[in-house]
Amino acid sequence: MKLIKILFLAGATLFAAAALAQQPKAPSPIAKTEPLEKCEWNAEKTTEHLKKMQEHILAIHDLSTKILAETDPVKKQALKDQQLELLRAQHLEKMQSHHNRHDQHEAPKN
């Protein structure tokens, strides 16, 4: 009886894998980006961007450490709120940057 269950599960797994392999794959988001030749970023701008990201990550991490160490619930919540505002500001900045890039690449409407 156990052998039948094992064979059944193995067959079902193979069937599911075959079904997934036949499904069309979604286009990669990378395929939609501009070719690197058209990209306006250079090494200096990339380094500047990465340093800004690093500062943000360190600030979030520092707040996480303080949140975990804080015993006063009111102070802990204040730290969480501060961290949330940092995350929200970064999210809004990313979305604004995304929309700006999208607007730059849109064809002019006549």
C-alpha atoms as a PDB file:
ATOM      1  CA  MET A   1       0.000   0.000   0.000  1.00  0.00           C
ATOM      2  CA  LYS A   2       2.855   2.380   0.825  1.00  0.00           C
ATOM      3  CA  LEU A   3       4.475   1.612  -2.512  1.00  0.00           C
ATOM      4  CA  ILE A   4       1.267   2.584  -4.325  1.00  0.00           C
ATOM      5  CA  LYS A   5       1.116   5.896  -2.419  1.00  0.00           C
ATOM      6  CA  ILE A   6       4.753   6.640  -3.235  1.00  0.00           C
ATOM      7  CA  LEU A   7       4.238   5.827  -6.910  1.00  0.00           C
ATOM      8  CA  PHE A   8       1.106   7.955  -6.998  1.00  0.00           C
ATOM      9  CA  LEU A   9       2.872  10.939  -5.393  1.00  0.00           C
ATOM     10  CA  ALA A  10       5.853  10.570  -7.737  1.00  0.00           C
ATOM     11  CA  GLY A  11       3.542  10.489 -10.754  1.00  0.00           C
ATOM     12  CA  ALA A  12       1.565  13.474  -9.528  1.00  0.00           C
ATOM     13  CA  THR A  13       4.786  15.413  -8.974  1.00  0.00           C
ATOM     14  CA  LEU A  14       6.046  14.622 -12.462  1.00  0.00           C
ATOM     15  CA  PHE A  15       2.677  15.582 -13.947  1.00  0.00           C
ATOM     16  CA  ALA A  16       2.681  18.916 -12.082  1.00  0.00           C
ATOM     17  CA  ALA A  17       6.259  19.638 -13.173  1.00  0.00           C
ATOM     18  CA  ALA A  18       5.377  18.900 -16.800  1.00  0.00           C
ATOM     19  CA  ALA A  19       2.299  21.129 -16.595  1.00  0.00           C
ATOM     20  CA  LEU A  20       4.345  23.996 -15.162  1.00  0.00           C
ATOM     21  CA  ALA A  21       6.992  23.590 -17.859  1.00  0.00           C
ATOM     22  CA  GLN A  22       4.349  23.999 -20.566  1.00  0.00           C
ATOM     23  CA  GLN A  23       2.984  27.278 -19.176  1.00  0.00           C
ATOM     24  CA  PRO A  24       4.146  30.398 -21.042  1.00  0.00           C
ATOM     25  CA  LYS A  25       6.630  32.423 -19.061  1.00  0.00           C
ATOM     26  CA  ALA A  26       6.025  36.074 -18.278  1.00  0.00           C
ATOM     27  CA  PRO A  27       8.423  38.442 -20.013  1.00  0.00           C
ATOM     28  CA  SER A  28      11.355  39.448 -17.865  1.00  0.00           C
ATOM     29  CA  PRO A  29      11.207  43.032 -16.536  1.00  0.00           C
ATOM     30  CA  ILE A  30      14.843  43.339 -17.577  1.00  0.00           C
ATOM     31  CA  ALA A  31      13.829  42.810 -21.193  1.00  0.00           C
ATOM     32  CA  LYS A  32      11.805  46.030 -21.040  1.00  0.00           C
ATOM     33  CA  THR A  33      14.703  48.227 -19.952  1.00  0.00           C
ATOM     34  CA  GLU A  34      16.735  50.410 -22.221  1.00  0.00           C
ATOM     35  CA  PRO A  35      19.939  48.994 -23.695  1.00  0.00           C
ATOM     36  CA  LEU A  36      23.000  49.832 -21.619  1.00  0.00           C
ATOM     37  CA  GLU A  37      24.315  52.116 -24.353  1.00  0.00           C
ATOM     38  CA  LYS A  38      21.316  54.406 -23.834  1.00  0.00           C
ATOM     39  CA  CYS A  39      21.654  54.395 -20.056  1.00  0.00           C
ATOM     40  CA  GLU A  40      22.758  57.740 -18.646  1.00  0.00           C
ATOM     41  CA  TRP A  41      24.359  56.229 -15.533  1.00  0.00           C
ATOM     42  CA  ASN A  42      28.099  56.234 -15.175  1.00  0.00           C
ATOM     43  CA  ALA A  43      30.391  54.791 -12.524  1.00  0.00           C
ATOM     44  CA  GLU A  44      30.327  57.986 -10.452  1.00  0.00           C
ATOM     45  CA  LYS A  45      26.544  58.207 -10.456  1.00  0.00           C
ATOM     46  CA  THR A  46      26.257  54.506  -9.618  1.00  0.00           C
ATOM     47  CA  THR A  47      28.655  54.871  -6.683  1.00  0.00           C
ATOM     48  CA  GLU A  48      26.709  57.893  -5.433  1.00  0.00           C
ATOM     49  CA  HIS A  49      23.450  55.935  -5.646  1.00  0.00           C
ATOM     50  CA  LEU A  50      24.931  52.927  -3.839  1.00  0.00           C
ATOM     51  CA  LYS A  51      26.327  55.105  -1.044  1.00  0.00           C
ATOM     52  CA  LYS A  52      22.883  56.662  -0.589  1.00  0.00           C
ATOM     53  CA  MET A  53      21.322  53.181  -0.411  1.00  0.00           C
ATOM     54  CA  GLN A  54      23.975  52.095   2.079  1.00  0.00           C
ATOM     55  CA  GLU A  55      23.214  55.070   4.339  1.00  0.00           C
ATOM     56  CA  HIS A  56      19.530  54.241   4.231  1.00  0.00           C
ATOM     57  CA  ILE A  57      20.152  50.561   5.052  1.00  0.00           C
ATOM     58  CA  LEU A  58      22.434  51.497   7.949  1.00  0.00           C
ATOM     59  CA  ALA A  59      19.849  53.938   9.330  1.00  0.00           C
ATOM     60  CA  ILE A  60      17.100  51.299   9.153  1.00  0.00           C
ATOM     61  CA  HIS A  61      19.399  48.707  10.754  1.00  0.00           C
ATOM     62  CA  ASP A  62      20.399  51.128  13.520  1.00  0.00           C
ATOM     63  CA  LEU A  63      16.757  51.797  14.302  1.00  0.00           C
ATOM     64  CA  SER A  64      16.044  48.048  14.311  1.00  0.00           C
ATOM     65  CA  THR A  65      18.790  47.528  16.872  1.00  0.00           C
ATOM     66  CA  LYS A  66      17.407  50.333  19.036  1.00  0.00           C
ATOM     67  CA  ILE A  67      13.859  48.950  18.733  1.00  0.00           C
ATOM     68  CA  LEU A  68      14.965  45.497  19.850  1.00  0.00           C
ATOM     69  CA  ALA A  69      16.925  46.919  22.788  1.00  0.00           C
ATOM     70  CA  GLU A  70      14.218  49.330  23.973  1.00  0.00           C
ATOM     71  CA  THR A  71      12.114  48.132  26.902  1.00  0.00           C
ATOM     72  CA  ASP A  72       9.769  51.117  27.239  1.00  0.00           C
ATOM     73  CA  PRO A  73       6.752  50.434  24.966  1.00  0.00           C
ATOM     74  CA  VAL A  74       6.191  54.143  24.238  1.00  0.00           C
ATOM     75  CA  LYS A  75       9.813  54.729  23.210  1.00  0.00           C
ATOM     76  CA  LYS A  76       9.799  51.473  21.235  1.00  0.00           C
ATOM     77  CA  GLN A  77       6.719  52.607  19.301  1.00  0.00           C
ATOM     78  CA  ALA A  78       8.307  56.002  18.640  1.00  0.00           C
ATOM     79  CA  LEU A  79      11.367  54.253  17.178  1.00  0.00           C
ATOM     80  CA  LYS A  80       9.129  52.028  15.049  1.00  0.00           C
ATOM     81  CA  ASP A  81       7.273  55.098  13.787  1.00  0.00           C
ATOM     82  CA  GLN A  82      10.579  56.761  12.940  1.00  0.00           C
ATOM     83  CA  GLN A  83      11.709  53.661  11.049  1.00  0.00           C
ATOM     84  CA  LEU A  84       8.394  53.501   9.208  1.00  0.00           C
ATOM     85  CA  GLU A  85       8.793  57.120   8.095  1.00  0.00           C
ATOM     86  CA  LEU A  86      12.258  56.342   6.722  1.00  0.00           C
ATOM     87  CA  LEU A  87      10.849  53.381   4.817  1.00  0.00           C
ATOM     88  CA  ARG A  88       7.937  55.448   3.537  1.00  0.00           C
ATOM     89  CA  ALA A  89      10.251  58.242   2.364  1.00  0.00           C
ATOM     90  CA  GLN A  90      12.451  55.758   0.511  1.00  0.00           C
ATOM     91  CA  HIS A  91       9.415  54.123  -1.077  1.00  0.00           C
ATOM     92  CA  LEU A  92       8.025  57.461  -2.254  1.00  0.00           C
ATOM     93  CA  GLU A  93      11.425  58.432  -3.652  1.00  0.00           C
ATOM     94  CA  LYS A  94      11.668  55.164  -5.574  1.00  0.00           C
ATOM     95  CA  MET A  95       8.155  55.525  -6.952  1.00  0.00           C
ATOM     96  CA  GLN A  96       8.806  59.133  -7.986  1.00  0.00           C
ATOM     97  CA  SER A  97      12.047  58.080  -9.670  1.00  0.00           C
ATOM     98  CA  HIS A  98      10.237  55.253 -11.454  1.00  0.00           C
ATOM     99  CA  HIS A  99       7.507  57.589 -12.701  1.00  0.00           C
ATOM    100  CA  ASN A 100      10.087  60.160 -13.841  1.00  0.00           C
ATOM    101  CA  ARG A 101      11.969  57.505 -15.823  1.00  0.00           C
ATOM    102  CA  HIS A 102       8.697  56.255 -17.309  1.00  0.00           C
ATOM    103  CA  ASP A 103       7.711  59.780 -18.337  1.00  0.00           C
ATOM    104  CA  GLN A 104      11.112  60.400 -19.940  1.00  0.00           C
ATOM    105  CA  HIS A 105      10.826  57.275 -22.092  1.00  0.00           C
ATOM    106  CA  GLU A 106       7.246  57.866 -23.202  1.00  0.00           C
ATOM    107  CA  ALA A 107       6.796  58.964 -26.792  1.00  0.00           C
ATOM    108  CA  PRO A 108       5.699  62.589 -27.170  1.00  0.00           C
ATOM    109  CA  LYS A 109       1.972  62.899 -27.833  1.00  0.00           C
ATOM    110  CA  ASN A 110       1.041  65.064 -30.783  1.00  0.00           C
END
